Amino acid sequence: MRKVSREEIVDYQTYGDRREETRTAVMAIKRPRRIHVGEVLTFLFENADTIRYQIQEILRAERIARESDILAEIDTYNSMLGEDGELGCCLLIEIDDKQEREERLRQWVDLPQHLYLRCADGTRIRPIVGSGQADEGKISSVQYLKFPVGERIPVAVGSDLPALTVETVLDSEQQQALLADLKS
């Protein structure tokens, strides 16, 4: 998967001049890559366009101008993208009630190992889970995942955790978006 290069990043003031136009375009790119699974899981599949947007937003919000800091942000956000044959995503566990959220995050500590992308050939691809996303017997409500699908075609996203067995079949627009990312 293509990474964001330094040449693609503009200073935060220049970005501010075209922020609304950029935001509109990126939200259209994100729409088919935002996949709701069940009532509380949202998978946000990333690509170079969505990551570039996030980098520009953080540079703007924090008024980052020092070159070494810009490069550090690029490296950090690029690490969310998969390598060749991988799809990188951010999983959000969205439970509004704080007490219920804390309880579920403890009960679902093994959730990342039970997530999958189901491919057209029936294979379930398990994610590579980023380190440091669980502690004190619970997982974080935000998980960074990479699915090594190779050349397989993803057709569904799901969880087979016994306490959370859900699956969402991808529509054709979602499938095409993920396939385009694998080819970039």
Protein backbone atom coordinates (compact mmCIF):
# COMPACT_ATOMS: atom_id res chain seq x y z
CA MET A 1 0.00 0.00 0.00
CA ARG A 2 1.28 3.44 -0.90
CA LYS A 3 2.49 5.58 2.00
CA VAL A 4 2.25 9.35 2.40
CA SER A 5 5.44 11.13 1.37
CA ARG A 6 6.80 14.37 2.77
CA GLU A 7 6.24 16.08 -0.59
CA GLU A 8 2.46 15.58 -0.22
CA ILE A 9 2.28 17.54 3.04
CA VAL A 10 1.84 21.31 2.99
CA ASP A 11 2.29 23.76 5.82
CA TYR A 12 -0.71 24.14 8.12
CA GLN A 13 -1.57 27.62 6.84
CA THR A 14 -1.69 26.53 3.20
CA TYR A 15 -3.72 23.52 4.24
CA GLY A 16 -6.13 25.81 6.11
CA ASP A 17 -6.81 27.68 2.87
CA ARG A 18 -8.21 24.55 1.25
CA ARG A 19 -9.31 22.62 4.31
CA GLU A 20 -13.05 22.52 3.56
CA GLU A 21 -12.52 21.35 0.00
CA THR A 22 -10.07 18.68 1.20
CA ARG A 23 -12.40 17.58 3.99
CA THR A 24 -15.32 17.12 1.60
CA ALA A 25 -13.21 15.01 -0.76
CA VAL A 26 -11.77 12.85 2.03
CA MET A 27 -15.16 12.23 3.65
CA ALA A 28 -16.32 10.82 0.30
CA ILE A 29 -13.24 8.56 0.25
CA LYS A 30 -13.84 7.45 3.86
CA ARG A 31 -17.54 6.66 3.43
CA PRO A 32 -17.17 3.20 1.82
CA ARG A 33 -14.20 2.43 4.08
CA ARG A 34 -16.24 2.98 7.27
CA ILE A 35 -17.86 -0.36 7.99
CA HIS A 36 -20.25 -0.88 10.88
CA VAL A 37 -20.30 -4.41 12.28
CA GLY A 38 -23.07 -5.10 14.72
CA GLU A 39 -24.16 -2.28 16.99
CA VAL A 40 -20.82 -1.27 18.52
CA LEU A 41 -17.93 -2.03 16.14
CA THR A 42 -16.81 0.37 13.43
CA PHE A 43 -13.89 -0.51 11.18
CA LEU A 44 -12.24 2.49 9.50
CA PHE A 45 -10.03 1.22 6.68
CA GLU A 46 -7.28 3.68 5.85
CA ASN A 47 -5.40 4.57 2.70
CA ALA A 48 -2.86 7.25 1.76
CA ASP A 49 -5.60 9.85 1.17
CA THR A 50 -7.24 9.36 4.57
CA ILE A 51 -3.89 9.26 6.37
CA ARG A 52 -2.65 12.40 4.58
CA TYR A 53 -5.82 14.15 5.76
CA GLN A 54 -5.19 13.06 9.35
CA ILE A 55 -1.58 14.27 9.18
CA GLN A 56 -2.66 17.65 7.81
CA GLU A 57 -5.33 17.95 10.50
CA ILE A 58 -2.89 17.24 13.34
CA LEU A 59 -0.34 19.67 11.91
CA ARG A 60 -3.04 22.34 11.71
CA ALA A 61 -4.52 21.65 15.16
CA GLU A 62 -1.15 21.63 16.88
CA ARG A 63 0.46 24.29 14.66
CA ILE A 64 3.35 21.96 13.88
CA ALA A 65 5.98 23.57 11.66
CA ARG A 66 9.33 22.04 12.71
CA GLU A 67 10.52 19.64 10.01
CA SER A 68 11.52 16.87 12.44
CA ASP A 69 8.04 16.99 14.03
CA ILE A 70 6.35 16.84 10.62
CA LEU A 71 8.45 13.80 9.68
CA ALA A 72 7.57 12.14 12.99
CA GLU A 73 3.85 12.62 12.32
CA ILE A 74 4.21 11.19 8.81
CA ASP A 75 6.03 8.13 10.18
CA THR A 76 3.47 7.63 12.96
CA TYR A 77 0.44 7.83 10.68
CA ASN A 78 2.06 5.83 7.86
CA SER A 79 2.54 2.98 10.33
CA MET A 80 -1.26 2.58 10.36
CA LEU A 81 -1.24 1.66 6.68
CA GLY A 82 -0.67 -1.90 5.67
CA GLU A 83 2.26 -3.11 3.64
CA ASP A 84 1.76 -4.79 0.25
CA GLY A 85 -1.21 -7.14 0.49
CA GLU A 86 -2.38 -5.70 3.82
CA LEU A 87 -5.35 -3.54 4.73
CA GLY A 88 -4.77 -1.23 7.71
CA CYS A 89 -7.68 -0.08 9.80
CA CYS A 90 -8.71 1.53 13.02
CA LEU A 91 -11.39 -0.32 14.97
CA LEU A 92 -13.63 1.78 17.20
CA ILE A 93 -15.58 0.08 19.95
CA GLU A 94 -18.43 2.54 20.34
CA ILE A 95 -20.33 2.20 23.60
CA ASP A 96 -21.66 5.51 24.96
CA ASP A 97 -22.33 4.43 28.54
CA LYS A 98 -19.00 4.63 30.38
CA GLN A 99 -19.75 1.87 32.88
CA GLU A 100 -20.99 -0.52 30.20
CA ARG A 101 -17.99 0.36 27.99
CA GLU A 102 -15.51 -0.42 30.79
CA GLU A 103 -17.26 -3.72 31.51
CA ARG A 104 -17.29 -4.78 27.84
CA LEU A 105 -13.64 -3.80 27.33
CA ARG A 106 -12.73 -6.16 30.15
CA GLN A 107 -15.04 -8.95 28.94
CA TRP A 108 -13.83 -8.61 25.36
CA VAL A 109 -10.09 -8.57 26.11
CA ASP A 110 -9.63 -11.32 23.47
CA LEU A 111 -11.71 -9.54 20.82
CA PRO A 112 -8.81 -8.63 18.49
CA GLN A 113 -7.95 -12.33 18.04
CA HIS A 114 -11.57 -13.02 17.06
CA LEU A 115 -11.89 -10.36 14.36
CA TYR A 116 -11.66 -11.32 10.72
CA LEU A 117 -12.04 -10.33 7.11
CA ARG A 118 -13.84 -13.09 5.23
CA CYS A 119 -12.63 -13.39 1.65
CA ALA A 120 -14.41 -14.54 -1.49
CA ASP A 121 -12.69 -17.93 -1.24
CA GLY A 122 -14.14 -18.43 2.28
CA THR A 123 -10.84 -17.81 4.08
CA ARG A 124 -11.02 -15.84 7.32
CA ILE A 125 -8.05 -13.52 7.66
CA ARG A 126 -7.18 -12.56 11.26
CA PRO A 127 -5.59 -9.19 11.95
CA ILE A 128 -2.12 -8.33 13.06
CA VAL A 129 -2.77 -6.33 16.23
CA GLY A 130 -0.67 -3.35 17.23
CA SER A 131 1.15 -3.62 20.54
CA GLY A 132 0.09 -1.75 23.65
CA GLN A 133 -3.64 -1.86 22.94
CA ALA A 134 -4.53 -3.84 26.04
CA ASP A 135 -3.56 -3.45 29.67
CA GLU A 136 -4.86 -4.19 33.14
CA GLY A 137 -7.11 -6.93 31.81
CA LYS A 138 -8.97 -4.82 29.26
CA ILE A 139 -8.56 -3.65 25.69
CA SER A 140 -8.55 -0.11 24.42
CA SER A 141 -11.72 1.14 22.74
CA VAL A 142 -9.52 2.01 19.73
CA GLN A 143 -7.57 -0.78 18.06
CA TYR A 144 -5.09 -0.50 15.19
CA LEU A 145 -5.20 -3.58 12.96
CA LYS A 146 -3.66 -4.86 9.75
CA PHE A 147 -5.29 -7.64 7.76
CA PRO A 148 -2.80 -9.57 5.56
CA VAL A 149 -5.22 -10.54 2.78
CA GLY A 150 -2.66 -10.85 0.00
CA GLU A 151 -4.53 -11.03 -3.29
CA ARG A 152 -7.77 -12.33 -1.80
CA ILE A 153 -10.97 -10.32 -2.21
CA PRO A 154 -12.57 -9.25 1.11
CA VAL A 155 -16.35 -9.78 1.14
CA ALA A 156 -17.23 -9.44 4.85
CA VAL A 157 -15.93 -8.15 8.19
CA GLY A 158 -16.82 -9.82 11.45
CA SER A 159 -16.19 -11.08 14.94
CA ASP A 160 -16.50 -14.65 16.14
CA LEU A 161 -15.91 -13.85 19.81
CA PRO A 162 -18.55 -16.02 21.55
CA ALA A 163 -19.94 -12.95 23.35
CA LEU A 164 -19.96 -10.89 20.13
CA THR A 165 -20.70 -12.92 17.03
CA VAL A 166 -21.48 -10.45 14.24
CA GLU A 167 -20.67 -10.03 10.57
CA THR A 168 -21.29 -7.40 7.92
CA VAL A 169 -21.25 -8.38 4.27
CA LEU A 170 -19.49 -5.71 2.21
CA ASP A 171 -21.48 -4.07 -0.53
CA SER A 172 -19.91 -3.67 -3.98
CA GLU A 173 -18.74 -0.10 -3.27
CA GLN A 174 -16.98 -1.21 -0.09
CA GLN A 175 -15.37 -4.17 -1.85
CA GLN A 176 -14.15 -1.95 -4.67
CA ALA A 177 -12.70 0.60 -2.24
CA LEU A 178 -10.72 -2.05 -0.36
CA LEU A 179 -9.54 -3.68 -3.59
CA ALA A 180 -8.36 -0.28 -4.86
CA ASP A 181 -6.40 0.19 -1.64
CA LEU A 182 -4.76 -3.22 -2.01
CA LYS A 183 -3.66 -2.27 -5.53
CA SER A 184 -2.28 1.16 -4.60
